Amino acid sequence: MAHVVFDGTEYDGLEMYVRLDITMDRYLTFKGAPTEENQEYLVDLIKLFGDQMLDSWNLDGEDGEPIPATGDNLMGLPIYLCLEIIKQWLDEVAGTPAPLEPPSSDGLQLAEVSTSAQEG
């Protein structure tokens, strides 16, 4: 799960939590360019994203009430916001993972293990 914050954008303050554990096939499907021929398919993809990848957000309606994070509500947003949400998610999915923990100083390091195995 990733916490995405829209700082430095037209939507400053918007935050969302999204799933990142997707297959390459699904990533490439979302990354594909929409055309007139696949508009219905694109609508299905956006709803799928809203219903299965988007966990939550802090988006409120004009009445000040929270808007549930769903595919149908995602489709009801202004186009630029909807596309920005999906773009941010795609960037997170394809992004560089956090660095690994530093190696333990209690055990043998890989080079030491390799050398020991060659000597034995």
PDB file of N, CA and C in Angstrom:
ATOM      1  N   MET A   1       0.846  -1.163   0.000  1.00  0.00           N
ATOM      2  CA  MET A   1       0.000   0.000   0.000  1.00  0.00           C
ATOM      3  C   MET A   1       0.901   1.238   0.000  1.00  0.00           C
ATOM      4  N   ALA A   2       0.570   2.189  -0.828  1.00  0.00           N
ATOM      5  CA  ALA A   2       1.359   3.420  -0.906  1.00  0.00           C
ATOM      6  C   ALA A   2       0.495   4.609  -0.521  1.00  0.00           C
ATOM      7  N   HIS A   3       1.089   5.537   0.162  1.00  0.00           N
ATOM      8  CA  HIS A   3       0.445   6.794   0.534  1.00  0.00           C
ATOM      9  C   HIS A   3       0.923   7.842  -0.460  1.00  0.00           C
ATOM     10  N   VAL A   4       0.020   8.354  -1.274  1.00  0.00           N
ATOM     11  CA  VAL A   4       0.372   9.330  -2.300  1.00  0.00           C
ATOM     12  C   VAL A   4      -0.188  10.686  -1.882  1.00  0.00           C
ATOM     13  N   VAL A   5       0.688  11.697  -1.868  1.00  0.00           N
ATOM     14  CA  VAL A   5       0.303  13.057  -1.498  1.00  0.00           C
ATOM     15  C   VAL A   5       0.499  13.950  -2.708  1.00  0.00           C
ATOM     16  N   PHE A   6      -0.482  14.744  -3.030  1.00  0.00           N
ATOM     17  CA  PHE A   6      -0.449  15.596  -4.216  1.00  0.00           C
ATOM     18  C   PHE A   6       0.113  16.975  -3.876  1.00  0.00           C
ATOM     19  N   ASP A   7       1.333  17.027  -3.380  1.00  0.00           N
ATOM     20  CA  ASP A   7       1.985  18.303  -3.093  1.00  0.00           C
ATOM     21  C   ASP A   7       2.567  18.871  -4.380  1.00  0.00           C
ATOM     22  N   GLY A   8       2.511  20.171  -4.519  1.00  0.00           N
ATOM     23  CA  GLY A   8       3.078  20.828  -5.683  1.00  0.00           C
ATOM     24  C   GLY A   8       2.266  20.645  -6.945  1.00  0.00           C
ATOM     25  N   THR A   9       0.998  20.271  -6.791  1.00  0.00           N
ATOM     26  CA  THR A   9       0.113  20.120  -7.942  1.00  0.00           C
ATOM     27  C   THR A   9      -1.088  21.034  -7.750  1.00  0.00           C
ATOM     28  N   GLU A  10      -1.948  21.051  -8.738  1.00  0.00           N
ATOM     29  CA  GLU A  10      -3.194  21.817  -8.640  1.00  0.00           C
ATOM     30  C   GLU A  10      -4.080  21.270  -7.517  1.00  0.00           C
ATOM     31  N   TYR A  11      -3.793  20.056  -7.072  1.00  0.00           N
ATOM     32  CA  TYR A  11      -4.622  19.394  -6.064  1.00  0.00           C
ATOM     33  C   TYR A  11      -3.883  19.245  -4.736  1.00  0.00           C
ATOM     34  N   ASP A  12      -3.095  20.258  -4.372  1.00  0.00           N
ATOM     35  CA  ASP A  12      -2.367  20.250  -3.100  1.00  0.00           C
ATOM     36  C   ASP A  12      -3.283  19.829  -1.963  1.00  0.00           C
ATOM     37  N   GLY A  13      -2.776  18.930  -1.124  1.00  0.00           N
ATOM     38  CA  GLY A  13      -3.523  18.483   0.042  1.00  0.00           C
ATOM     39  C   GLY A  13      -4.276  17.184  -0.176  1.00  0.00           C
ATOM     40  N   LEU A  14      -4.522  16.814  -1.427  1.00  0.00           N
ATOM     41  CA  LEU A  14      -5.195  15.539  -1.691  1.00  0.00           C
ATOM     42  C   LEU A  14      -4.238  14.409  -1.348  1.00  0.00           C
ATOM     43  N   GLU A  15      -4.730  13.431  -0.636  1.00  0.00           N
ATOM     44  CA  GLU A  15      -3.948  12.254  -0.286  1.00  0.00           C
ATOM     45  C   GLU A  15      -4.768  11.022  -0.624  1.00  0.00           C
ATOM     46  N   MET A  16      -4.084   9.943  -1.002  1.00  0.00           N
ATOM     47  CA  MET A  16      -4.781   8.689  -1.255  1.00  0.00           C
ATOM     48  C   MET A  16      -3.877   7.521  -0.895  1.00  0.00           C
ATOM     49  N   TYR A  17      -4.503   6.402  -0.625  1.00  0.00           N
ATOM     50  CA  TYR A  17      -3.792   5.155  -0.384  1.00  0.00           C
ATOM     51  C   TYR A  17      -4.170   4.206  -1.507  1.00  0.00           C
ATOM     52  N   VAL A  18      -3.146   3.632  -2.154  1.00  0.00           N
ATOM     53  CA  VAL A  18      -3.369   2.763  -3.302  1.00  0.00           C
ATOM     54  C   VAL A  18      -2.542   1.494  -3.179  1.00  0.00           C
ATOM     55  N   ARG A  19      -3.060   0.431  -3.790  1.00  0.00           N
ATOM     56  CA  ARG A  19      -2.345  -0.844  -3.842  1.00  0.00           C
ATOM     57  C   ARG A  19      -1.254  -0.765  -4.901  1.00  0.00           C
ATOM     58  N   LEU A  20      -0.125  -1.372  -4.611  1.00  0.00           N
ATOM     59  CA  LEU A  20       0.977  -1.419  -5.570  1.00  0.00           C
ATOM     60  C   LEU A  20       1.277  -2.841  -6.033  1.00  0.00           C
ATOM     61  N   ASP A  21       0.692  -3.817  -5.397  1.00  0.00           N
ATOM     62  CA  ASP A  21       1.005  -5.215  -5.707  1.00  0.00           C
ATOM     63  C   ASP A  21       0.154  -5.712  -6.886  1.00  0.00           C
ATOM     64  N   ILE A  22       0.556  -5.310  -8.079  1.00  0.00           N
ATOM     65  CA  ILE A  22      -0.173  -5.704  -9.275  1.00  0.00           C
ATOM     66  C   ILE A  22       0.761  -6.444 -10.219  1.00  0.00           C
ATOM     67  N   THR A  23       0.171  -7.145 -11.163  1.00  0.00           N
ATOM     68  CA  THR A  23       0.972  -7.871 -12.145  1.00  0.00           C
ATOM     69  C   THR A  23       1.460  -6.921 -13.234  1.00  0.00           C
ATOM     70  N   MET A  24       2.471  -7.349 -13.956  1.00  0.00           N
ATOM     71  CA  MET A  24       2.973  -6.565 -15.083  1.00  0.00           C
ATOM     72  C   MET A  24       1.873  -6.413 -16.131  1.00  0.00           C
ATOM     73  N   ASP A  25       1.103  -7.459 -16.339  1.00  0.00           N
ATOM     74  CA  ASP A  25       0.018  -7.414 -17.309  1.00  0.00           C
ATOM     75  C   ASP A  25      -0.976  -6.306 -16.971  1.00  0.00           C
ATOM     76  N   ARG A  26      -1.362  -6.233 -15.706  1.00  0.00           N
ATOM     77  CA  ARG A  26      -2.323  -5.200 -15.301  1.00  0.00           C
ATOM     78  C   ARG A  26      -1.698  -3.809 -15.427  1.00  0.00           C
ATOM     79  N   TYR A  27      -0.424  -3.666 -15.049  1.00  0.00           N
ATOM     80  CA  TYR A  27       0.264  -2.379 -15.167  1.00  0.00           C
ATOM     81  C   TYR A  27       0.258  -1.908 -16.617  1.00  0.00           C
ATOM     82  N   LEU A  28       0.630  -2.799 -17.539  1.00  0.00           N
ATOM     83  CA  LEU A  28       0.682  -2.427 -18.952  1.00  0.00           C
ATOM     84  C   LEU A  28      -0.710  -2.118 -19.495  1.00  0.00           C
ATOM     85  N   THR A  29      -1.723  -2.795 -18.987  1.00  0.00           N
ATOM     86  CA  THR A  29      -3.095  -2.514 -19.400  1.00  0.00           C
ATOM     87  C   THR A  29      -3.478  -1.088 -19.019  1.00  0.00           C
ATOM     88  N   PHE A  30      -3.165  -0.697 -17.781  1.00  0.00           N
ATOM     89  CA  PHE A  30      -3.480   0.661 -17.340  1.00  0.00           C
ATOM     90  C   PHE A  30      -2.630   1.697 -18.065  1.00  0.00           C
ATOM     91  N   LYS A  31      -1.420   1.342 -18.421  1.00  0.00           N
ATOM     92  CA  LYS A  31      -0.494   2.275 -19.053  1.00  0.00           C
ATOM     93  C   LYS A  31      -0.837   2.521 -20.521  1.00  0.00           C
ATOM     94  N   GLY A  32      -1.614   1.617 -21.144  1.00  0.00           N
ATOM     95  CA  GLY A  32      -1.953   1.723 -22.560  1.00  0.00           C
ATOM     96  C   GLY A  32      -2.686   3.017 -22.890  1.00  0.00           C
ATOM     97  N   ALA A  33      -2.502   3.481 -24.099  1.00  0.00           N
ATOM     98  CA  ALA A  33      -3.107   4.746 -24.534  1.00  0.00           C
ATOM     99  C   ALA A  33      -4.569   4.533 -24.922  1.00  0.00           C
ATOM    100  N   PRO A  34      -5.479   5.389 -24.416  1.00  0.00           N
ATOM    101  CA  PRO A  34      -6.890   5.270 -24.791  1.00  0.00           C
ATOM    102  C   PRO A  34      -7.129   5.760 -26.224  1.00  0.00           C
ATOM    103  N   THR A  35      -8.079   5.141 -26.882  1.00  0.00           N
ATOM    104  CA  THR A  35      -8.490   5.570 -28.215  1.00  0.00           C
ATOM    105  C   THR A  35     -10.012   5.586 -28.246  1.00  0.00           C
ATOM    106  N   GLU A  36     -10.590   6.148 -29.300  1.00  0.00           N
ATOM    107  CA  GLU A  36     -12.045   6.160 -29.420  1.00  0.00           C
ATOM    108  C   GLU A  36     -12.604   4.754 -29.443  1.00  0.00           C
ATOM    109  N   GLU A  37     -11.887   3.833 -30.054  1.00  0.00           N
ATOM    110  CA  GLU A  37     -12.364   2.467 -30.176  1.00  0.00           C
ATOM    111  C   GLU A  37     -12.459   1.751 -28.833  1.00  0.00           C
ATOM    112  N   ASN A  38     -11.645   2.145 -27.860  1.00  0.00           N
ATOM    113  CA  ASN A  38     -11.670   1.423 -26.588  1.00  0.00           C
ATOM    114  C   ASN A  38     -12.176   2.269 -25.426  1.00  0.00           C
ATOM    115  N   GLN A  39     -13.043   3.234 -25.696  1.00  0.00           N
ATOM    116  CA  GLN A  39     -13.555   4.100 -24.632  1.00  0.00           C
ATOM    117  C   GLN A  39     -14.297   3.314 -23.560  1.00  0.00           C
ATOM    118  N   GLU A  40     -15.132   2.360 -23.961  1.00  0.00           N
ATOM    119  CA  GLU A  40     -15.879   1.558 -22.986  1.00  0.00           C
ATOM    120  C   GLU A  40     -14.910   0.754 -22.120  1.00  0.00           C
ATOM    121  N   TYR A  41     -13.876   0.222 -22.745  1.00  0.00           N
ATOM    122  CA  TYR A  41     -12.850  -0.522 -22.026  1.00  0.00           C
ATOM    123  C   TYR A  41     -12.127   0.396 -21.034  1.00  0.00           C
ATOM    124  N   LEU A  42     -11.855   1.622 -21.452  1.00  0.00           N
ATOM    125  CA  LEU A  42     -11.191   2.587 -20.582  1.00  0.00           C
ATOM    126  C   LEU A  42     -12.053   2.908 -19.368  1.00  0.00           C
ATOM    127  N   VAL A  43     -13.346   3.080 -19.579  1.00  0.00           N
ATOM    128  CA  VAL A  43     -14.268   3.329 -18.464  1.00  0.00           C
ATOM    129  C   VAL A  43     -14.209   2.154 -17.492  1.00  0.00           C
ATOM    130  N   ASP A  44     -14.219   0.934 -18.019  1.00  0.00           N
ATOM    131  CA  ASP A  44     -14.128  -0.250 -17.164  1.00  0.00           C
ATOM    132  C   ASP A  44     -12.823  -0.261 -16.374  1.00  0.00           C
ATOM    133  N   LEU A  45     -11.710   0.141 -17.018  1.00  0.00           N
ATOM    134  CA  LEU A  45     -10.418   0.185 -16.327  1.00  0.00           C
ATOM    135  C   LEU A  45     -10.415   1.219 -15.203  1.00  0.00           C
ATOM    136  N   ILE A  46     -10.978   2.386 -15.466  1.00  0.00           N
ATOM    137  CA  ILE A  46     -11.017   3.430 -14.433  1.00  0.00           C
ATOM    138  C   ILE A  46     -11.851   2.964 -13.253  1.00  0.00           C
ATOM    139  N   LYS A  47     -12.990   2.339 -13.537  1.00  0.00           N
ATOM    140  CA  LYS A  47     -13.827   1.821 -12.452  1.00  0.00           C
ATOM    141  C   LYS A  47     -13.114   0.704 -11.700  1.00  0.00           C
ATOM    142  N   LEU A  48     -12.402  -0.156 -12.431  1.00  0.00           N
ATOM    143  CA  LEU A  48     -11.624  -1.222 -11.797  1.00  0.00           C
ATOM    144  C   LEU A  48     -10.570  -0.624 -10.868  1.00  0.00           C
ATOM    145  N   PHE A  49      -9.872   0.395 -11.342  1.00  0.00           N
ATOM    146  CA  PHE A  49      -8.876   1.070 -10.509  1.00  0.00           C
ATOM    147  C   PHE A  49      -9.537   1.611  -9.237  1.00  0.00           C
ATOM    148  N   GLY A  50     -10.648   2.326  -9.404  1.00  0.00           N
ATOM    149  CA  GLY A  50     -11.326   2.915  -8.250  1.00  0.00           C
ATOM    150  C   GLY A  50     -11.846   1.893  -7.261  1.00  0.00           C
ATOM    151  N   ASP A  51     -12.291   0.754  -7.765  1.00  0.00           N
ATOM    152  CA  ASP A  51     -12.873  -0.265  -6.895  1.00  0.00           C
ATOM    153  C   ASP A  51     -11.851  -1.225  -6.301  1.00  0.00           C
ATOM    154  N   GLN A  52     -10.722  -1.446  -6.995  1.00  0.00           N
ATOM    155  CA  GLN A  52      -9.778  -2.457  -6.525  1.00  0.00           C
ATOM    156  C   GLN A  52      -8.400  -1.936  -6.142  1.00  0.00           C
ATOM    157  N   MET A  53      -7.970  -0.829  -6.697  1.00  0.00           N
ATOM    158  CA  MET A  53      -6.632  -0.315  -6.403  1.00  0.00           C
ATOM    159  C   MET A  53      -6.675   0.856  -5.427  1.00  0.00           C
ATOM    160  N   LEU A  54      -7.683   1.692  -5.541  1.00  0.00           N
ATOM    161  CA  LEU A  54      -7.821   2.875  -4.696  1.00  0.00           C
ATOM    162  C   LEU A  54      -8.435   2.452  -3.372  1.00  0.00           C
ATOM    163  N   ASP A  55      -7.664   2.556  -2.308  1.00  0.00           N
ATOM    164  CA  ASP A  55      -8.138   2.135  -0.994  1.00  0.00           C
ATOM    165  C   ASP A  55      -8.913   3.254  -0.305  1.00  0.00           C
ATOM    166  N   SER A  56      -8.355   4.465  -0.312  1.00  0.00           N
ATOM    167  CA  SER A  56      -9.023   5.594   0.342  1.00  0.00           C
ATOM    168  C   SER A  56      -8.404   6.891  -0.151  1.00  0.00           C
ATOM    169  N   TRP A  57      -9.105   7.991   0.117  1.00  0.00           N
ATOM    170  CA  TRP A  57      -8.598   9.323  -0.181  1.00  0.00           C
ATOM    171  C   TRP A  57      -9.261  10.318   0.763  1.00  0.00           C
ATOM    172  N   ASN A  58      -8.784  11.532   0.775  1.00  0.00           N
ATOM    173  CA  ASN A  58      -9.359  12.558   1.642  1.00  0.00           C
ATOM    174  C   ASN A  58     -10.113  13.595   0.818  1.00  0.00           C
ATOM    175  N   LEU A  59     -10.861  13.139  -0.160  1.00  0.00           N
ATOM    176  CA  LEU A  59     -11.561  14.021  -1.092  1.00  0.00           C
ATOM    177  C   LEU A  59     -12.973  14.287  -0.598  1.00  0.00           C
ATOM    178  N   ASP A  60     -13.343  15.568  -0.519  1.00  0.00           N
ATOM    179  CA  ASP A  60     -14.675  15.972  -0.093  1.00  0.00           C
ATOM    180  C   ASP A  60     -15.429  16.586  -1.256  1.00  0.00           C
ATOM    181  N   GLY A  61     -16.748  16.429  -1.230  1.00  0.00           N
ATOM    182  CA  GLY A  61     -17.602  17.016  -2.253  1.00  0.00           C
ATOM    183  C   GLY A  61     -17.850  18.484  -1.982  1.00  0.00           C
ATOM    184  N   GLU A  62     -18.602  19.119  -2.859  1.00  0.00           N
ATOM    185  CA  GLU A  62     -18.915  20.543  -2.705  1.00  0.00           C
ATOM    186  C   GLU A  62     -19.689  20.812  -1.420  1.00  0.00           C
ATOM    187  N   ASP A  63     -20.397  19.797  -0.912  1.00  0.00           N
ATOM    188  CA  ASP A  63     -21.160  19.950   0.326  1.00  0.00           C
ATOM    189  C   ASP A  63     -20.302  19.734   1.571  1.00  0.00           C
ATOM    190  N   GLY A  64     -19.000  19.447   1.363  1.00  0.00           N
ATOM    191  CA  GLY A  64     -18.089  19.242   2.485  1.00  0.00           C
ATOM    192  C   GLY A  64     -18.085  17.826   3.017  1.00  0.00           C
ATOM    193  N   GLU A  65     -18.931  16.968   2.466  1.00  0.00           N
ATOM    194  CA  GLU A  65     -19.000  15.575   2.902  1.00  0.00           C
ATOM    195  C   GLU A  65     -17.944  14.746   2.163  1.00  0.00           C
ATOM    196  N   PRO A  66     -17.348  13.754   2.849  1.00  0.00           N
ATOM    197  CA  PRO A  66     -16.356  12.894   2.186  1.00  0.00           C
ATOM    198  C   PRO A  66     -16.976  12.142   1.006  1.00  0.00           C
ATOM    199  N   ILE A  67     -16.194  12.017  -0.059  1.00  0.00           N
ATOM    200  CA  ILE A  67     -16.606  11.247  -1.229  1.00  0.00           C
ATOM    201  C   ILE A  67     -15.982   9.863  -1.090  1.00  0.00           C
ATOM    202  N   PRO A  68     -16.785   8.798  -1.064  1.00  0.00           N
ATOM    203  CA  PRO A  68     -16.201   7.452  -0.973  1.00  0.00           C
ATOM    204  C   PRO A  68     -15.282   7.174  -2.167  1.00  0.00           C
ATOM    205  N   ALA A  69     -14.185   6.474  -1.921  1.00  0.00           N
ATOM    206  CA  ALA A  69     -13.207   6.143  -2.963  1.00  0.00           C
ATOM    207  C   ALA A  69     -13.700   4.913  -3.724  1.00  0.00           C
ATOM    208  N   THR A  70     -14.475   5.153  -4.790  1.00  0.00           N
ATOM    209  CA  THR A  70     -15.028   4.074  -5.610  1.00  0.00           C
ATOM    210  C   THR A  70     -14.790   4.383  -7.084  1.00  0.00           C
ATOM    211  N   GLY A  71     -14.973   3.388  -7.904  1.00  0.00           N
ATOM    212  CA  GLY A  71     -14.831   3.573  -9.346  1.00  0.00           C
ATOM    213  C   GLY A  71     -15.843   4.547  -9.901  1.00  0.00           C
ATOM    214  N   ASP A  72     -17.098   4.438  -9.460  1.00  0.00           N
ATOM    215  CA  ASP A  72     -18.130   5.359  -9.950  1.00  0.00           C
ATOM    216  C   ASP A  72     -17.824   6.797  -9.548  1.00  0.00           C
ATOM    217  N   ASN A  73     -17.354   6.999  -8.317  1.00  0.00           N
ATOM    218  CA  ASN A  73     -17.016   8.359  -7.881  1.00  0.00           C
ATOM    219  C   ASN A  73     -15.784   8.886  -8.598  1.00  0.00           C
ATOM    220  N   LEU A  74     -14.848   8.011  -8.911  1.00  0.00           N
ATOM    221  CA  LEU A  74     -13.678   8.418  -9.688  1.00  0.00           C
ATOM    222  C   LEU A  74     -14.114   8.904 -11.062  1.00  0.00           C
ATOM    223  N   MET A  75     -15.072   8.212 -11.679  1.00  0.00           N
ATOM    224  CA  MET A  75     -15.587   8.612 -12.987  1.00  0.00           C
ATOM    225  C   MET A  75     -16.309   9.961 -12.930  1.00  0.00           C
ATOM    226  N   GLY A  76     -16.804  10.344 -11.763  1.00  0.00           N
ATOM    227  CA  GLY A  76     -17.523  11.606 -11.613  1.00  0.00           C
ATOM    228  C   GLY A  76     -16.631  12.803 -11.328  1.00  0.00           C
ATOM    229  N   LEU A  77     -15.330  12.577 -11.203  1.00  0.00           N
ATOM    230  CA  LEU A  77     -14.403  13.685 -10.930  1.00  0.00           C
ATOM    231  C   LEU A  77     -14.071  14.427 -12.215  1.00  0.00           C
ATOM    232  N   PRO A  78     -13.581  15.666 -12.091  1.00  0.00           N
ATOM    233  CA  PRO A  78     -13.079  16.358 -13.287  1.00  0.00           C
ATOM    234  C   PRO A  78     -11.994  15.512 -13.953  1.00  0.00           C
ATOM    235  N   ILE A  79     -11.981  15.538 -15.265  1.00  0.00           N
ATOM    236  CA  ILE A  79     -11.075  14.669 -16.027  1.00  0.00           C
ATOM    237  C   ILE A  79      -9.613  14.854 -15.619  1.00  0.00           C
ATOM    238  N   TYR A  80      -9.179  16.074 -15.393  1.00  0.00           N
ATOM    239  CA  TYR A  80      -7.774  16.295 -15.043  1.00  0.00           C
ATOM    240  C   TYR A  80      -7.425  15.663 -13.706  1.00  0.00           C
ATOM    241  N   LEU A  81      -8.352  15.722 -12.743  1.00  0.00           N
ATOM    242  CA  LEU A  81      -8.098  15.115 -11.437  1.00  0.00           C
ATOM    243  C   LEU A  81      -8.086  13.592 -11.552  1.00  0.00           C
ATOM    244  N   CYS A  82      -9.029  13.037 -12.273  1.00  0.00           N
ATOM    245  CA  CYS A  82      -9.091  11.589 -12.466  1.00  0.00           C
ATOM    246  C   CYS A  82      -7.800  11.090 -13.109  1.00  0.00           C
ATOM    247  N   LEU A  83      -7.365  11.741 -14.158  1.00  0.00           N
ATOM    248  CA  LEU A  83      -6.135  11.329 -14.844  1.00  0.00           C
ATOM    249  C   LEU A  83      -4.903  11.519 -13.964  1.00  0.00           C
ATOM    250  N   GLU A  84      -4.881  12.584 -13.181  1.00  0.00           N
ATOM    251  CA  GLU A  84      -3.747  12.831 -12.280  1.00  0.00           C
ATOM    252  C   GLU A  84      -3.663  11.748 -11.210  1.00  0.00           C
ATOM    253  N   ILE A  85      -4.801  11.320 -10.681  1.00  0.00           N
ATOM    254  CA  ILE A  85      -4.820  10.258  -9.673  1.00  0.00           C
ATOM    255  C   ILE A  85      -4.234   8.977 -10.259  1.00  0.00           C
ATOM    256  N   ILE A  86      -4.672   8.613 -11.453  1.00  0.00           N
ATOM    257  CA  ILE A  86      -4.175   7.386 -12.078  1.00  0.00           C
ATOM    258  C   ILE A  86      -2.704   7.532 -12.446  1.00  0.00           C
ATOM    259  N   LYS A  87      -2.293   8.709 -12.911  1.00  0.00           N
ATOM    260  CA  LYS A  87      -0.879   8.940 -13.246  1.00  0.00           C
ATOM    261  C   LYS A  87       0.000   8.790 -12.002  1.00  0.00           C
ATOM    262  N   GLN A  88      -0.440   9.379 -10.889  1.00  0.00           N
ATOM    263  CA  GLN A  88       0.343   9.279  -9.649  1.00  0.00           C
ATOM    264  C   GLN A  88       0.487   7.817  -9.222  1.00  0.00           C
ATOM    265  N   TRP A  89      -0.591   7.061  -9.357  1.00  0.00           N
ATOM    266  CA  TRP A  89      -0.552   5.649  -9.005  1.00  0.00           C
ATOM    267  C   TRP A  89       0.417   4.893  -9.912  1.00  0.00           C
ATOM    268  N   LEU A  90       0.333   5.130 -11.225  1.00  0.00           N
ATOM    269  CA  LEU A  90       1.244   4.468 -12.164  1.00  0.00           C
ATOM    270  C   LEU A  90       2.690   4.804 -11.839  1.00  0.00           C
ATOM    271  N   ASP A  91       2.956   6.069 -11.486  1.00  0.00           N
ATOM    272  CA  ASP A  91       4.313   6.468 -11.109  1.00  0.00           C
ATOM    273  C   ASP A  91       4.778   5.708  -9.866  1.00  0.00           C
ATOM    274  N   GLU A  92       3.879   5.531  -8.888  1.00  0.00           N
ATOM    275  CA  GLU A  92       4.231   4.802  -7.669  1.00  0.00           C
ATOM    276  C   GLU A  92       4.504   3.333  -7.977  1.00  0.00           C
ATOM    277  N   VAL A  93       3.653   2.724  -8.805  1.00  0.00           N
ATOM    278  CA  VAL A  93       3.813   1.312  -9.146  1.00  0.00           C
ATOM    279  C   VAL A  93       5.152   1.076  -9.845  1.00  0.00           C
ATOM    280  N   ALA A  94       5.510   1.955 -10.757  1.00  0.00           N
ATOM    281  CA  ALA A  94       6.740   1.782 -11.538  1.00  0.00           C
ATOM    282  C   ALA A  94       7.957   2.367 -10.843  1.00  0.00           C
ATOM    283  N   GLY A  95       7.769   3.019  -9.707  1.00  0.00           N
ATOM    284  CA  GLY A  95       8.862   3.707  -9.023  1.00  0.00           C
ATOM    285  C   GLY A  95       9.883   2.760  -8.431  1.00  0.00           C
ATOM    286  N   THR A  96      10.955   3.353  -7.958  1.00  0.00           N
ATOM    287  CA  THR A  96      12.045   2.611  -7.342  1.00  0.00           C
ATOM    288  C   THR A  96      11.657   2.239  -5.921  1.00  0.00           C
ATOM    289  N   PRO A  97      11.819   0.972  -5.551  1.00  0.00           N
ATOM    290  CA  PRO A  97      11.490   0.585  -4.180  1.00  0.00           C
ATOM    291  C   PRO A  97      12.444   1.225  -3.180  1.00  0.00           C
ATOM    292  N   ALA A  98      12.005   1.282  -1.937  1.00  0.00           N
ATOM    293  CA  ALA A  98      12.842   1.841  -0.874  1.00  0.00           C
ATOM    294  C   ALA A  98      14.113   1.024  -0.739  1.00  0.00           C
ATOM    295  N   PRO A  99      15.227   1.653  -0.310  1.00  0.00           N
ATOM    296  CA  PRO A  99      16.477   0.909  -0.156  1.00  0.00           C
ATOM    297  C   PRO A  99      16.315  -0.206   0.873  1.00  0.00           C
ATOM    298  N   LEU A 100      17.070  -1.270   0.687  1.00  0.00           N
ATOM    299  CA  LEU A 100      17.054  -2.374   1.633  1.00  0.00           C
ATOM    300  C   LEU A 100      17.728  -1.955   2.927  1.00  0.00           C
ATOM    301  N   GLU A 101      17.419  -2.700   3.980  1.00  0.00           N
ATOM    302  CA  GLU A 101      18.057  -2.455   5.273  1.00  0.00           C
ATOM    303  C   GLU A 101      19.561  -2.657   5.139  1.00  0.00           C
ATOM    304  N   PRO A 102      20.382  -1.933   5.922  1.00  0.00           N
ATOM    305  CA  PRO A 102      21.826  -2.170   5.871  1.00  0.00           C
ATOM    306  C   PRO A 102      22.117  -3.601   6.330  1.00  0.00           C
ATOM    307  N   PRO A 103      23.190  -4.199   5.832  1.00  0.00           N
ATOM    308  CA  PRO A 103      23.507  -5.583   6.206  1.00  0.00           C
ATOM    309  C   PRO A 103      23.785  -5.699   7.696  1.00  0.00           C
ATOM    310  N   SER A 104      23.506  -6.868   8.230  1.00  0.00           N
ATOM    311  CA  SER A 104      23.755  -7.146   9.645  1.00  0.00           C
ATOM    312  C   SER A 104      25.256  -7.229   9.889  1.00  0.00           C
ATOM    313  N   SER A 105      25.705  -6.696  11.012  1.00  0.00           N
ATOM    314  CA  SER A 105      27.126  -6.797  11.347  1.00  0.00           C
ATOM    315  C   SER A 105      27.388  -8.025  12.207  1.00  0.00           C
ATOM    316  N   ASP A 106      26.323  -8.797  12.509  1.00  0.00           N
ATOM    317  CA  ASP A 106      26.470  -9.971  13.367  1.00  0.00           C
ATOM    318  C   ASP A 106      26.906 -11.219  12.606  1.00  0.00           C
ATOM    319  N   GLY A 107      26.683 -11.257  11.299  1.00  0.00           N
ATOM    320  CA  GLY A 107      26.971 -12.473  10.551  1.00  0.00           C
ATOM    321  C   GLY A 107      27.976 -12.231   9.454  1.00  0.00           C
ATOM    322  N   LEU A 108      28.250 -13.272   8.691  1.00  0.00           N
ATOM    323  CA  LEU A 108      29.177 -13.188   7.572  1.00  0.00           C
ATOM    324  C   LEU A 108      28.557 -12.380   6.439  1.00  0.00           C
ATOM    325  N   GLN A 109      29.343 -11.626   5.762  1.00  0.00           N
ATOM    326  CA  GLN A 109      28.898 -10.883   4.590  1.00  0.00           C
ATOM    327  C   GLN A 109      29.000 -11.806   3.383  1.00  0.00           C
ATOM    328  N   LEU A 110      28.328 -11.458   2.289  1.00  0.00           N
ATOM    329  CA  LEU A 110      28.299 -12.281   1.089  1.00  0.00           C
ATOM    330  C   LEU A 110      29.712 -12.594   0.593  1.00  0.00           C
ATOM    331  N   ALA A 111      30.595 -11.612   0.554  1.00  0.00           N
ATOM    332  CA  ALA A 111      31.961 -11.836   0.084  1.00  0.00           C
ATOM    333  C   ALA A 111      32.684 -12.845   0.978  1.00  0.00           C
ATOM    334  N   GLU A 112      32.465 -12.747   2.290  1.00  0.00           N
ATOM    335  CA  GLU A 112      33.095 -13.672   3.212  1.00  0.00           C
ATOM    336  C   GLU A 112      32.561 -15.086   3.014  1.00  0.00           C
ATOM    337  N   VAL A 113      31.261 -15.225   2.802  1.00  0.00           N
ATOM    338  CA  VAL A 113      30.658 -16.531   2.566  1.00  0.00           C
ATOM    339  C   VAL A 113      31.205 -17.138   1.289  1.00  0.00           C
ATOM    340  N   SER A 114      31.298 -16.313   0.247  1.00  0.00           N
ATOM    341  CA  SER A 114      31.819 -16.770  -1.047  1.00  0.00           C
ATOM    342  C   SER A 114      33.255 -17.245  -0.904  1.00  0.00           C
ATOM    343  N   THR A 115      34.077 -16.477  -0.205  1.00  0.00           N
ATOM    344  CA  THR A 115      35.494 -16.833  -0.009  1.00  0.00           C
ATOM    345  C   THR A 115      35.609 -18.099   0.818  1.00  0.00           C
ATOM    346  N   SER A 116      34.808 -18.214   1.864  1.00  0.00           N
ATOM    347  CA  SER A 116      34.830 -19.406   2.715  1.00  0.00           C
ATOM    348  C   SER A 116      34.451 -20.637   1.928  1.00  0.00           C
ATOM    349  N   ALA A 117      33.469 -20.527   1.057  1.00  0.00           N
ATOM    350  CA  ALA A 117      33.016 -21.665   0.266  1.00  0.00           C
ATOM    351  C   ALA A 117      34.095 -22.087  -0.707  1.00  0.00           C
ATOM    352  N   GLN A 118      34.839 -21.144  -1.259  1.00  0.00           N
ATOM    353  CA  GLN A 118      35.884 -21.479  -2.220  1.00  0.00           C
ATOM    354  C   GLN A 118      37.073 -22.139  -1.508  1.00  0.00           C
ATOM    355  N   GLU A 119      37.362 -21.697  -0.283  1.00  0.00           N
ATOM    356  CA  GLU A 119      38.503 -22.233   0.453  1.00  0.00           C
ATOM    357  C   GLU A 119      38.221 -23.646   0.945  1.00  0.00           C
ATOM    358  N   GLY A 120      36.963 -23.961   1.280  1.00  0.00           N
ATOM    359  CA  GLY A 120      36.601 -25.232   1.890  1.00  0.00           C
ATOM    360  C   GLY A 120      36.438 -26.295   0.936  1.00  0.00           C
TER     361      GLY A 120
END
